[in-house]
Amino acid sequence: MIGVALVAALALAAAAFWQWRDATAQRIAAQQAEREATTQRDRAEQQTVVAEQQRTAAQQAEQDAKTQRDLAVQAKSEADAQRAAADKSAAEAKRQSDRATNALTLATKTANGLVFDLAQKFRDVTGVPASLVKNILERARTLQDQLLAAGESSSELQRSQAAALGETSRTLLTLGDTKGALAAAEDAENICKQLLLDHHENKDLEGELSLYYAEAGDVQFQIGALTDALKTYQDGLANADRLAKSDPGNVSWQSDLSGFYERIGNVKVQQGDLVDALKFYRKSLSTRDSLAQAYPQDASFLHNLLASYKNVGEVQFRQGV
């Protein structure tokens, strides 16, 4: 009986041991799970704190961005207002500048026209002292120069200035003021040359230059500066010849060409070079003969042709031909 009881006791003790061991293992596992849960909870709390910090930072950044956006909108609005005001001021300034420029242009045109008209009207006037005419022209030219210097002169204004100077030169030459006539003619010539630097394809300008070469050379010829006159006429001839060849049907340019032939012939006569004089007179005659045949109804061409025959005949007479 004792043996059976001992065996039973031992079995109970063994079962109790295994129960204790299992309980201990479970307690350890529970403790481990609790520790892990605590760690996870701490990590979750930490992540919650970080997330809250990030949310707060994001809210602050959003607020800052909104503030910056509002400031940018305000700055743009102010900039737009300033630009609009600047545009308005610029437009008003341009209107005032345009009005001033137009007024100056109109005044300059008037002055150029005044000088041109006065020079023409006084050229053949009788009973008016030459000194008074020159004084009037000088005052008008002074006004002309002042107006041109006051603003940026257009090519049109400069051309009208040159034309007025050309008329002035012819009038002063008629009055015996050869110095003033030469200065005016050379000024007109230089204005035209300067314009051609920027408008070298402008044939009309080249035609006007031929006229100013002729006027300057005529003054030089009249005062006896034959070498200067010959050089000026030769420059004019080169210009006129280039134009005439570019458009053989242009009557005005053909006429200019014949005029320079004649002028050079006149200089050669004065220099005693009758051979060259005859050569240039014949070239002038040939050109004028072609014009007179092409336009028989134009009396001026016939008149010029007769003048050329006269020039040729006089040289031949002096040569004893």
C-alpha atoms as a PDB file:
ATOM      1  CA  MET A   1       0.000   0.000   0.000  1.00  0.00           C
ATOM      2  CA  ILE A   2       2.853   2.241   0.909  1.00  0.00           C
ATOM      3  CA  GLY A   3       4.446   1.563  -2.480  1.00  0.00           C
ATOM      4  CA  VAL A   4       1.322   2.457  -4.361  1.00  0.00           C
ATOM      5  CA  ALA A   5       0.920   5.613  -2.382  1.00  0.00           C
ATOM      6  CA  LEU A   6       4.531   6.552  -3.045  1.00  0.00           C
ATOM      7  CA  VAL A   7       4.107   6.019  -6.738  1.00  0.00           C
ATOM      8  CA  ALA A   8       0.982   8.103  -6.763  1.00  0.00           C
ATOM      9  CA  ALA A   9       2.736  10.839  -4.835  1.00  0.00           C
ATOM     10  CA  LEU A  10       5.620  10.851  -7.185  1.00  0.00           C
ATOM     11  CA  ALA A  11       3.270  11.033 -10.204  1.00  0.00           C
ATOM     12  CA  LEU A  12       1.442  13.933  -8.630  1.00  0.00           C
ATOM     13  CA  ALA A  13       4.762  15.660  -7.919  1.00  0.00           C
ATOM     14  CA  ALA A  14       5.871  15.151 -11.506  1.00  0.00           C
ATOM     15  CA  ALA A  15       2.629  16.555 -12.840  1.00  0.00           C
ATOM     16  CA  ALA A  16       2.936  19.500 -10.526  1.00  0.00           C
ATOM     17  CA  PHE A  17       6.503  20.085 -11.755  1.00  0.00           C
ATOM     18  CA  TRP A  18       5.456  20.098 -15.348  1.00  0.00           C
ATOM     19  CA  GLN A  19       2.580  22.387 -14.546  1.00  0.00           C
ATOM     20  CA  TRP A  20       4.970  24.725 -12.748  1.00  0.00           C
ATOM     21  CA  ARG A  21       7.409  24.633 -15.609  1.00  0.00           C
ATOM     22  CA  ASP A  22       4.678  25.402 -18.142  1.00  0.00           C
ATOM     23  CA  ALA A  23       3.371  28.199 -15.971  1.00  0.00           C
ATOM     24  CA  THR A  24       6.843  29.627 -15.602  1.00  0.00           C
ATOM     25  CA  ALA A  25       7.403  29.503 -19.359  1.00  0.00           C
ATOM     26  CA  GLN A  26       4.056  31.141 -19.972  1.00  0.00           C
ATOM     27  CA  ARG A  27       4.845  33.812 -17.383  1.00  0.00           C
ATOM     28  CA  ILE A  28       8.194  34.515 -19.074  1.00  0.00           C
ATOM     29  CA  ALA A  29       6.496  34.642 -22.470  1.00  0.00           C
ATOM     30  CA  ALA A  30       3.842  36.970 -21.081  1.00  0.00           C
ATOM     31  CA  GLN A  31       6.509  39.183 -19.572  1.00  0.00           C
ATOM     32  CA  GLN A  32       8.363  39.237 -22.893  1.00  0.00           C
ATOM     33  CA  ALA A  33       5.139  40.046 -24.750  1.00  0.00           C
ATOM     34  CA  GLU A  34       4.433  42.802 -22.227  1.00  0.00           C
ATOM     35  CA  ARG A  35       7.910  44.229 -22.721  1.00  0.00           C
ATOM     36  CA  GLU A  36       7.461  44.130 -26.505  1.00  0.00           C
ATOM     37  CA  ALA A  37       4.044  45.709 -26.182  1.00  0.00           C
ATOM     38  CA  THR A  38       5.551  48.419 -23.998  1.00  0.00           C
ATOM     39  CA  THR A  39       8.302  48.988 -26.567  1.00  0.00           C
ATOM     40  CA  GLN A  40       5.772  49.165 -29.365  1.00  0.00           C
ATOM     41  CA  ARG A  41       3.605  51.507 -27.320  1.00  0.00           C
ATOM     42  CA  ASP A  42       6.629  53.728 -26.600  1.00  0.00           C
ATOM     43  CA  ARG A  43       7.571  53.649 -30.287  1.00  0.00           C
ATOM     44  CA  ALA A  44       3.986  54.427 -31.261  1.00  0.00           C
ATOM     45  CA  GLU A  45       3.889  57.307 -28.790  1.00  0.00           C
ATOM     46  CA  GLN A  46       7.201  58.574 -30.165  1.00  0.00           C
ATOM     47  CA  GLN A  47       5.892  58.319 -33.722  1.00  0.00           C
ATOM     48  CA  THR A  48       2.746  60.103 -32.627  1.00  0.00           C
ATOM     49  CA  VAL A  49       4.865  62.915 -31.193  1.00  0.00           C
ATOM     50  CA  VAL A  50       6.928  63.091 -34.397  1.00  0.00           C
ATOM     51  CA  ALA A  51       3.771  63.032 -36.517  1.00  0.00           C
ATOM     52  CA  GLU A  52       2.279  65.808 -34.421  1.00  0.00           C
ATOM     53  CA  GLN A  53       5.478  67.817 -34.767  1.00  0.00           C
ATOM     54  CA  GLN A  54       5.415  67.245 -38.509  1.00  0.00           C
ATOM     55  CA  ARG A  55       1.739  68.219 -38.676  1.00  0.00           C
ATOM     56  CA  THR A  56       2.461  71.355 -36.682  1.00  0.00           C
ATOM     57  CA  ALA A  57       5.435  72.143 -38.923  1.00  0.00           C
ATOM     58  CA  ALA A  58       3.324  71.535 -42.012  1.00  0.00           C
ATOM     59  CA  GLN A  59       0.611  73.806 -40.664  1.00  0.00           C
ATOM     60  CA  GLN A  60       3.234  76.485 -39.949  1.00  0.00           C
ATOM     61  CA  ALA A  61       4.759  76.032 -43.399  1.00  0.00           C
ATOM     62  CA  GLU A  62       1.320  76.290 -44.943  1.00  0.00           C
ATOM     63  CA  GLN A  63       0.662  79.440 -42.956  1.00  0.00           C
ATOM     64  CA  ASP A  64       4.051  80.850 -43.970  1.00  0.00           C
ATOM     65  CA  ALA A  65       3.366  79.929 -47.602  1.00  0.00           C
ATOM     66  CA  LYS A  66      -0.015  81.616 -47.422  1.00  0.00           C
ATOM     67  CA  THR A  67       1.603  84.695 -45.905  1.00  0.00           C
ATOM     68  CA  GLN A  68       4.268  84.712 -48.629  1.00  0.00           C
ATOM     69  CA  ARG A  69       1.601  84.146 -51.255  1.00  0.00           C
ATOM     70  CA  ASP A  70      -0.431  87.028 -49.905  1.00  0.00           C
ATOM     71  CA  LEU A  71       2.672  89.203 -49.848  1.00  0.00           C
ATOM     72  CA  ALA A  72       3.503  88.159 -53.415  1.00  0.00           C
ATOM     73  CA  VAL A  73      -0.017  88.977 -54.561  1.00  0.00           C
ATOM     74  CA  GLN A  74       0.199  92.340 -52.850  1.00  0.00           C
ATOM     75  CA  ALA A  75       3.640  93.022 -54.333  1.00  0.00           C
ATOM     76  CA  LYS A  76       2.393  92.055 -57.811  1.00  0.00           C
ATOM     77  CA  SER A  77      -0.614  94.319 -57.369  1.00  0.00           C
ATOM     78  CA  GLU A  78       1.634  97.183 -56.342  1.00  0.00           C
ATOM     79  CA  ALA A  79       4.046  96.436 -59.212  1.00  0.00           C
ATOM     80  CA  ASP A  80       1.150  96.357 -61.685  1.00  0.00           C
ATOM     81  CA  ALA A  81      -0.077  99.674 -60.348  1.00  0.00           C
ATOM     82  CA  GLN A  82       3.414 101.185 -60.602  1.00  0.00           C
ATOM     83  CA  ARG A  83       3.873  99.775 -64.122  1.00  0.00           C
ATOM     84  CA  ALA A  84       0.512 101.172 -65.171  1.00  0.00           C
ATOM     85  CA  ALA A  85       1.468 104.545 -63.730  1.00  0.00           C
ATOM     86  CA  ALA A  86       4.861 104.356 -65.463  1.00  0.00           C
ATOM     87  CA  ASP A  87       3.218 103.385 -68.761  1.00  0.00           C
ATOM     88  CA  LYS A  88       0.827 106.292 -68.409  1.00  0.00           C
ATOM     89  CA  SER A  89       3.692 108.674 -67.655  1.00  0.00           C
ATOM     90  CA  ALA A  90       5.713 107.286 -70.569  1.00  0.00           C
ATOM     91  CA  ALA A  91       2.748 107.632 -72.919  1.00  0.00           C
ATOM     92  CA  GLU A  92       2.193 111.206 -71.816  1.00  0.00           C
ATOM     93  CA  ALA A  93       5.904 111.958 -72.161  1.00  0.00           C
ATOM     94  CA  LYS A  94       5.879 110.455 -75.660  1.00  0.00           C
ATOM     95  CA  ARG A  95       2.835 112.536 -76.612  1.00  0.00           C
ATOM     96  CA  GLN A  96       4.575 115.653 -75.386  1.00  0.00           C
ATOM     97  CA  SER A  97       7.791 114.661 -77.148  1.00  0.00           C
ATOM     98  CA  ASP A  98       5.893 113.938 -80.368  1.00  0.00           C
ATOM     99  CA  ARG A  99       4.119 117.285 -80.151  1.00  0.00           C
ATOM    100  CA  ALA A 100       7.436 119.034 -79.577  1.00  0.00           C
ATOM    101  CA  THR A 101       9.108 117.106 -82.394  1.00  0.00           C
ATOM    102  CA  ASN A 102       6.239 117.805 -84.768  1.00  0.00           C
ATOM    103  CA  ALA A 103       6.281 121.469 -83.850  1.00  0.00           C
ATOM    104  CA  LEU A 104      10.041 121.626 -84.358  1.00  0.00           C
ATOM    105  CA  THR A 105       9.785 119.745 -87.652  1.00  0.00           C
ATOM    106  CA  LEU A 106       7.059 122.060 -88.871  1.00  0.00           C
ATOM    107  CA  ALA A 107       9.039 125.118 -87.810  1.00  0.00           C
ATOM    108  CA  THR A 108      12.155 123.773 -89.532  1.00  0.00           C
ATOM    109  CA  LYS A 109      10.245 123.059 -92.730  1.00  0.00           C
ATOM    110  CA  THR A 110       8.853 126.573 -92.590  1.00  0.00           C
ATOM    111  CA  ALA A 111      12.330 128.021 -92.081  1.00  0.00           C
ATOM    112  CA  ASN A 112      13.755 125.976 -94.960  1.00  0.00           C
ATOM    113  CA  GLY A 113      10.876 127.063 -97.187  1.00  0.00           C
ATOM    114  CA  LEU A 114      11.336 130.665 -96.092  1.00  0.00           C
ATOM    115  CA  VAL A 115      15.028 130.670 -96.992  1.00  0.00           C
ATOM    116  CA  PHE A 116      14.258 128.965-100.314  1.00  0.00           C
ATOM    117  CA  ASP A 117      11.495 131.464-101.217  1.00  0.00           C
ATOM    118  CA  LEU A 118      13.444 134.529-100.075  1.00  0.00           C
ATOM    119  CA  ALA A 119      16.483 133.448-102.068  1.00  0.00           C
ATOM    120  CA  GLN A 120      14.369 133.037-105.203  1.00  0.00           C
ATOM    121  CA  LYS A 121      12.391 136.252-104.780  1.00  0.00           C
ATOM    122  CA  PHE A 122      15.387 138.445-104.038  1.00  0.00           C
ATOM    123  CA  ARG A 123      17.504 137.045-106.874  1.00  0.00           C
ATOM    124  CA  ASP A 124      16.175 139.340-109.578  1.00  0.00           C
ATOM    125  CA  VAL A 125      14.627 142.055-107.406  1.00  0.00           C
ATOM    126  CA  THR A 126      15.517 145.637-108.234  1.00  0.00           C
ATOM    127  CA  GLY A 127      15.666 148.660-105.979  1.00  0.00           C
ATOM    128  CA  VAL A 128      16.629 146.738-102.836  1.00  0.00           C
ATOM    129  CA  PRO A 129      20.218 147.194-101.602  1.00  0.00           C
ATOM    130  CA  ALA A 130      22.288 144.053-101.884  1.00  0.00           C
ATOM    131  CA  SER A 131      23.417 144.466 -98.274  1.00  0.00           C
ATOM    132  CA  LEU A 132      19.803 144.378 -97.091  1.00  0.00           C
ATOM    133  CA  VAL A 133      19.035 141.267 -99.105  1.00  0.00           C
ATOM    134  CA  LYS A 134      22.113 139.509 -97.722  1.00  0.00           C
ATOM    135  CA  ASN A 135      21.174 140.572 -94.192  1.00  0.00           C
ATOM    136  CA  ILE A 136      17.663 139.173 -94.581  1.00  0.00           C
ATOM    137  CA  LEU A 137      18.971 135.914 -95.987  1.00  0.00           C
ATOM    138  CA  GLU A 138      21.563 135.679 -93.234  1.00  0.00           C
ATOM    139  CA  ARG A 139      18.915 136.129 -90.523  1.00  0.00           C
ATOM    140  CA  ALA A 140      16.685 133.535 -92.142  1.00  0.00           C
ATOM    141  CA  ARG A 141      19.579 131.082 -92.389  1.00  0.00           C
ATOM    142  CA  THR A 142      20.465 131.680 -88.733  1.00  0.00           C
ATOM    143  CA  LEU A 143      16.920 130.724 -87.776  1.00  0.00           C
ATOM    144  CA  GLN A 144      17.158 127.714 -90.040  1.00  0.00           C
ATOM    145  CA  ASP A 145      20.415 126.557 -88.408  1.00  0.00           C
ATOM    146  CA  GLN A 146      19.059 127.060 -84.892  1.00  0.00           C
ATOM    147  CA  LEU A 147      15.966 124.998 -85.591  1.00  0.00           C
ATOM    148  CA  LEU A 148      17.957 122.192 -87.185  1.00  0.00           C
ATOM    149  CA  ALA A 149      20.373 122.145 -84.261  1.00  0.00           C
ATOM    150  CA  ALA A 150      17.520 122.024 -81.734  1.00  0.00           C
ATOM    151  CA  GLY A 151      16.351 118.556 -82.733  1.00  0.00           C
ATOM    152  CA  GLU A 152      17.272 115.372 -84.525  1.00  0.00           C
ATOM    153  CA  SER A 153      16.917 116.351 -88.140  1.00  0.00           C
ATOM    154  CA  SER A 154      15.360 113.890 -90.562  1.00  0.00           C
ATOM    155  CA  SER A 155      16.754 113.267 -94.024  1.00  0.00           C
ATOM    156  CA  GLU A 156      13.753 115.118 -95.472  1.00  0.00           C
ATOM    157  CA  LEU A 157      14.560 118.248 -93.446  1.00  0.00           C
ATOM    158  CA  GLN A 158      18.237 118.028 -94.363  1.00  0.00           C
ATOM    159  CA  ARG A 159      17.359 117.754 -98.047  1.00  0.00           C
ATOM    160  CA  SER A 160      15.116 120.811 -97.844  1.00  0.00           C
ATOM    161  CA  GLN A 161      17.913 122.619 -96.023  1.00  0.00           C
ATOM    162  CA  ALA A 162      20.335 121.739 -98.822  1.00  0.00           C
ATOM    163  CA  ALA A 163      17.830 122.944-101.436  1.00  0.00           C
ATOM    164  CA  ALA A 164      17.453 126.249 -99.582  1.00  0.00           C
ATOM    165  CA  LEU A 165      21.233 126.589 -99.418  1.00  0.00           C
ATOM    166  CA  GLY A 166      21.455 125.975-103.153  1.00  0.00           C
ATOM    167  CA  GLU A 167      18.961 128.751-103.851  1.00  0.00           C
ATOM    168  CA  THR A 168      20.825 131.012-101.436  1.00  0.00           C
ATOM    169  CA  SER A 169      24.093 130.311-103.238  1.00  0.00           C
ATOM    170  CA  ARG A 170      22.637 131.323-106.595  1.00  0.00           C
ATOM    171  CA  THR A 171      21.142 134.511-105.164  1.00  0.00           C
ATOM    172  CA  LEU A 172      24.329 135.522-103.335  1.00  0.00           C
ATOM    173  CA  LEU A 173      26.297 134.912-106.518  1.00  0.00           C
ATOM    174  CA  THR A 174      23.901 137.224-108.389  1.00  0.00           C
ATOM    175  CA  LEU A 175      24.478 139.864-105.681  1.00  0.00           C
ATOM    176  CA  GLY A 176      28.250 139.528-106.017  1.00  0.00           C
ATOM    177  CA  ASP A 177      28.785 137.810-102.663  1.00  0.00           C
ATOM    178  CA  THR A 178      30.991 135.058-104.055  1.00  0.00           C
ATOM    179  CA  LYS A 179      32.343 134.061-100.656  1.00  0.00           C
ATOM    180  CA  GLY A 180      28.878 133.559 -99.202  1.00  0.00           C
ATOM    181  CA  ALA A 181      27.700 131.879-102.398  1.00  0.00           C
ATOM    182  CA  LEU A 182      30.555 129.365-102.306  1.00  0.00           C
ATOM    183  CA  ALA A 183      30.018 128.621 -98.608  1.00  0.00           C
ATOM    184  CA  ALA A 184      26.298 127.996 -99.157  1.00  0.00           C
ATOM    185  CA  ALA A 185      26.930 125.759-102.187  1.00  0.00           C
ATOM    186  CA  GLU A 186      29.586 123.730-100.364  1.00  0.00           C
ATOM    187  CA  ASP A 187      27.303 123.354 -97.331  1.00  0.00           C
ATOM    188  CA  ALA A 188      24.555 122.014 -99.581  1.00  0.00           C
ATOM    189  CA  GLU A 189      27.029 119.652-101.253  1.00  0.00           C
ATOM    190  CA  ASN A 190      28.311 118.345 -97.888  1.00  0.00           C
ATOM    191  CA  ILE A 191      24.793 117.793 -96.525  1.00  0.00           C
ATOM    192  CA  CYS A 192      23.936 115.743 -99.588  1.00  0.00           C
ATOM    193  CA  LYS A 193      27.150 113.704 -99.362  1.00  0.00           C
ATOM    194  CA  GLN A 194      26.460 112.959 -95.705  1.00  0.00           C
ATOM    195  CA  LEU A 195      22.934 111.821 -96.496  1.00  0.00           C
ATOM    196  CA  LEU A 196      24.239 109.511 -99.203  1.00  0.00           C
ATOM    197  CA  LEU A 197      26.391 107.689 -96.650  1.00  0.00           C
ATOM    198  CA  ASP A 198      23.173 106.322 -95.142  1.00  0.00           C
ATOM    199  CA  HIS A 199      21.116 106.299 -98.355  1.00  0.00           C
ATOM    200  CA  HIS A 200      23.687 105.320-100.983  1.00  0.00           C
ATOM    201  CA  GLU A 201      21.038 103.706-103.208  1.00  0.00           C
ATOM    202  CA  ASN A 202      18.929 106.881-103.381  1.00  0.00           C
ATOM    203  CA  LYS A 203      19.220 108.048-106.992  1.00  0.00           C
ATOM    204  CA  ASP A 204      17.257 111.232-106.355  1.00  0.00           C
ATOM    205  CA  LEU A 205      19.808 112.259-103.753  1.00  0.00           C
ATOM    206  CA  GLU A 206      22.607 111.591-106.232  1.00  0.00           C
ATOM    207  CA  GLY A 207      20.781 113.784-108.729  1.00  0.00           C
ATOM    208  CA  GLU A 208      20.595 116.577-106.160  1.00  0.00           C
ATOM    209  CA  LEU A 209      24.295 116.160-105.458  1.00  0.00           C
ATOM    210  CA  SER A 210      25.004 116.806-109.148  1.00  0.00           C
ATOM    211  CA  LEU A 211      23.172 120.125-108.824  1.00  0.00           C
ATOM    212  CA  TYR A 212      25.257 121.176-105.791  1.00  0.00           C
ATOM    213  CA  TYR A 213      28.491 120.186-107.530  1.00  0.00           C
ATOM    214  CA  ALA A 214      27.471 122.446-110.423  1.00  0.00           C
ATOM    215  CA  GLU A 215      26.610 125.367-108.122  1.00  0.00           C
ATOM    216  CA  ALA A 216      29.851 125.140-106.156  1.00  0.00           C
ATOM    217  CA  GLY A 217      31.889 124.807-109.346  1.00  0.00           C
ATOM    218  CA  ASP A 218      30.103 127.789-110.927  1.00  0.00           C
ATOM    219  CA  VAL A 219      31.139 130.023-108.011  1.00  0.00           C
ATOM    220  CA  GLN A 220      34.720 128.766-108.165  1.00  0.00           C
ATOM    221  CA  PHE A 221      34.754 129.384-111.928  1.00  0.00           C
ATOM    222  CA  GLN A 222      33.433 132.915-111.529  1.00  0.00           C
ATOM    223  CA  ILE A 223      36.078 133.884-108.948  1.00  0.00           C
ATOM    224  CA  GLY A 224      38.817 132.459-111.167  1.00  0.00           C
ATOM    225  CA  ALA A 225      39.654 129.407-109.044  1.00  0.00           C
ATOM    226  CA  LEU A 226      39.928 127.297-112.190  1.00  0.00           C
ATOM    227  CA  THR A 227      41.762 124.339-110.657  1.00  0.00           C
ATOM    228  CA  ASP A 228      39.159 124.042-107.902  1.00  0.00           C
ATOM    229  CA  ALA A 229      36.341 124.520-110.374  1.00  0.00           C
ATOM    230  CA  LEU A 230      37.726 121.798-112.649  1.00  0.00           C
ATOM    231  CA  LYS A 231      38.007 119.356-109.726  1.00  0.00           C
ATOM    232  CA  THR A 232      34.433 120.100-108.613  1.00  0.00           C
ATOM    233  CA  TYR A 233      33.084 119.761-112.165  1.00  0.00           C
ATOM    234  CA  GLN A 234      34.952 116.470-112.640  1.00  0.00           C
ATOM    235  CA  ASP A 235      33.427 115.096-109.433  1.00  0.00           C
ATOM    236  CA  GLY A 236      30.039 116.246-110.670  1.00  0.00           C
ATOM    237  CA  LEU A 237      30.653 114.671-114.069  1.00  0.00           C
ATOM    238  CA  ALA A 238      31.523 111.309-112.484  1.00  0.00           C
ATOM    239  CA  ASN A 239      28.326 111.436-110.444  1.00  0.00           C
ATOM    240  CA  ALA A 240      26.172 112.516-113.411  1.00  0.00           C
ATOM    241  CA  ASP A 241      27.747 109.948-115.739  1.00  0.00           C
ATOM    242  CA  ARG A 242      27.018 107.148-113.260  1.00  0.00           C
ATOM    243  CA  LEU A 243      23.392 108.244-112.996  1.00  0.00           C
ATOM    244  CA  ALA A 244      22.946 108.686-116.746  1.00  0.00           C
ATOM    245  CA  LYS A 245      24.298 105.196-117.428  1.00  0.00           C
ATOM    246  CA  SER A 246      22.038 103.679-114.768  1.00  0.00           C
ATOM    247  CA  ASP A 247      18.946 105.092-116.503  1.00  0.00           C
ATOM    248  CA  PRO A 248      19.552 106.309-120.092  1.00  0.00           C
ATOM    249  CA  GLY A 249      15.894 107.306-120.335  1.00  0.00           C
ATOM    250  CA  ASN A 250      16.097 109.827-117.503  1.00  0.00           C
ATOM    251  CA  VAL A 251      16.055 113.173-119.316  1.00  0.00           C
ATOM    252  CA  SER A 252      17.106 115.200-116.279  1.00  0.00           C
ATOM    253  CA  TRP A 253      20.226 113.110-115.689  1.00  0.00           C
ATOM    254  CA  GLN A 254      21.190 113.219-119.369  1.00  0.00           C
ATOM    255  CA  SER A 255      20.797 116.987-119.262  1.00  0.00           C
ATOM    256  CA  ASP A 256      22.967 117.205-116.127  1.00  0.00           C
ATOM    257  CA  LEU A 257      25.626 115.143-117.892  1.00  0.00           C
ATOM    258  CA  SER A 258      25.690 117.515-120.889  1.00  0.00           C
ATOM    259  CA  GLY A 259      25.946 120.474-118.482  1.00  0.00           C
ATOM    260  CA  PHE A 260      29.085 119.117-116.833  1.00  0.00           C
ATOM    261  CA  TYR A 261      30.679 118.429-120.222  1.00  0.00           C
ATOM    262  CA  GLU A 262      30.023 122.065-121.106  1.00  0.00           C
ATOM    263  CA  ARG A 263      31.324 123.396-117.779  1.00  0.00           C
ATOM    264  CA  ILE A 264      34.568 121.439-118.055  1.00  0.00           C
ATOM    265  CA  GLY A 265      34.921 122.743-121.608  1.00  0.00           C
ATOM    266  CA  ASN A 266      34.525 126.303-120.256  1.00  0.00           C
ATOM    267  CA  VAL A 267      37.345 125.736-117.753  1.00  0.00           C
ATOM    268  CA  LYS A 268      39.584 124.248-120.438  1.00  0.00           C
ATOM    269  CA  VAL A 269      39.016 127.324-122.612  1.00  0.00           C
ATOM    270  CA  GLN A 270      40.062 129.602-119.755  1.00  0.00           C
ATOM    271  CA  GLN A 271      43.143 127.450-119.171  1.00  0.00           C
ATOM    272  CA  GLY A 272      44.046 127.694-122.855  1.00  0.00           C
ATOM    273  CA  ASP A 273      43.589 123.979-123.491  1.00  0.00           C
ATOM    274  CA  LEU A 274      41.467 124.273-126.638  1.00  0.00           C
ATOM    275  CA  VAL A 275      41.959 120.639-127.681  1.00  0.00           C
ATOM    276  CA  ASP A 276      40.374 119.320-124.480  1.00  0.00           C
ATOM    277  CA  ALA A 277      37.816 122.113-124.518  1.00  0.00           C
ATOM    278  CA  LEU A 278      36.643 121.042-127.985  1.00  0.00           C
ATOM    279  CA  LYS A 279      36.481 117.403-126.873  1.00  0.00           C
ATOM    280  CA  PHE A 280      34.179 118.183-123.949  1.00  0.00           C
ATOM    281  CA  TYR A 281      32.074 120.658-125.952  1.00  0.00           C
ATOM    282  CA  ARG A 282      31.472 117.971-128.586  1.00  0.00           C
ATOM    283  CA  LYS A 283      30.402 115.481-125.905  1.00  0.00           C
ATOM    284  CA  SER A 284      27.962 118.046-124.590  1.00  0.00           C
ATOM    285  CA  LEU A 285      26.685 118.719-128.116  1.00  0.00           C
ATOM    286  CA  SER A 286      26.198 115.006-128.800  1.00  0.00           C
ATOM    287  CA  THR A 287      24.123 114.500-125.654  1.00  0.00           C
ATOM    288  CA  ARG A 288      22.056 117.624-126.273  1.00  0.00           C
ATOM    289  CA  ASP A 289      21.470 116.689-129.898  1.00  0.00           C
ATOM    290  CA  SER A 290      20.021 113.348-128.747  1.00  0.00           C
ATOM    291  CA  LEU A 291      17.730 115.114-126.281  1.00  0.00           C
ATOM    292  CA  ALA A 292      16.586 117.694-128.837  1.00  0.00           C
ATOM    293  CA  GLN A 293      15.732 114.969-131.349  1.00  0.00           C
ATOM    294  CA  ALA A 294      13.904 112.907-128.727  1.00  0.00           C
ATOM    295  CA  TYR A 295      11.918 115.924-127.447  1.00  0.00           C
ATOM    296  CA  PRO A 296      11.556 118.375-130.353  1.00  0.00           C
ATOM    297  CA  GLN A 297       8.652 120.114-128.609  1.00  0.00           C
ATOM    298  CA  ASP A 298      10.881 121.149-125.667  1.00  0.00           C
ATOM    299  CA  ALA A 299      12.404 124.529-126.496  1.00  0.00           C
ATOM    300  CA  SER A 300      14.937 124.323-123.667  1.00  0.00           C
ATOM    301  CA  PHE A 301      16.663 121.351-125.314  1.00  0.00           C
ATOM    302  CA  LEU A 302      16.894 123.219-128.595  1.00  0.00           C
ATOM    303  CA  HIS A 303      18.257 126.280-126.799  1.00  0.00           C
ATOM    304  CA  ASN A 304      20.953 124.175-125.100  1.00  0.00           C
ATOM    305  CA  LEU A 305      21.812 122.512-128.419  1.00  0.00           C
ATOM    306  CA  LEU A 306      22.324 125.891-130.059  1.00  0.00           C
ATOM    307  CA  ALA A 307      24.583 126.910-127.160  1.00  0.00           C
ATOM    308  CA  SER A 308      26.675 123.785-127.729  1.00  0.00           C
ATOM    309  CA  TYR A 309      27.029 124.513-131.461  1.00  0.00           C
ATOM    310  CA  LYS A 310      28.143 128.023-130.494  1.00  0.00           C
ATOM    311  CA  ASN A 311      30.751 126.672-128.056  1.00  0.00           C
ATOM    312  CA  VAL A 312      32.159 124.236-130.623  1.00  0.00           C
ATOM    313  CA  GLY A 313      32.224 126.885-133.322  1.00  0.00           C
ATOM    314  CA  GLU A 314      34.022 129.446-131.158  1.00  0.00           C
ATOM    315  CA  VAL A 315      36.761 126.990-130.219  1.00  0.00           C
ATOM    316  CA  GLN A 316      37.186 125.913-133.825  1.00  0.00           C
ATOM    317  CA  PHE A 317      37.380 129.599-134.821  1.00  0.00           C
ATOM    318  CA  ARG A 318      40.126 130.206-132.260  1.00  0.00           C
ATOM    319  CA  GLN A 319      41.940 127.137-133.550  1.00  0.00           C
ATOM    320  CA  GLY A 320      41.675 128.476-137.055  1.00  0.00           C
ATOM    321  CA  VAL A 321      39.762 125.429-138.263  1.00  0.00           C
END
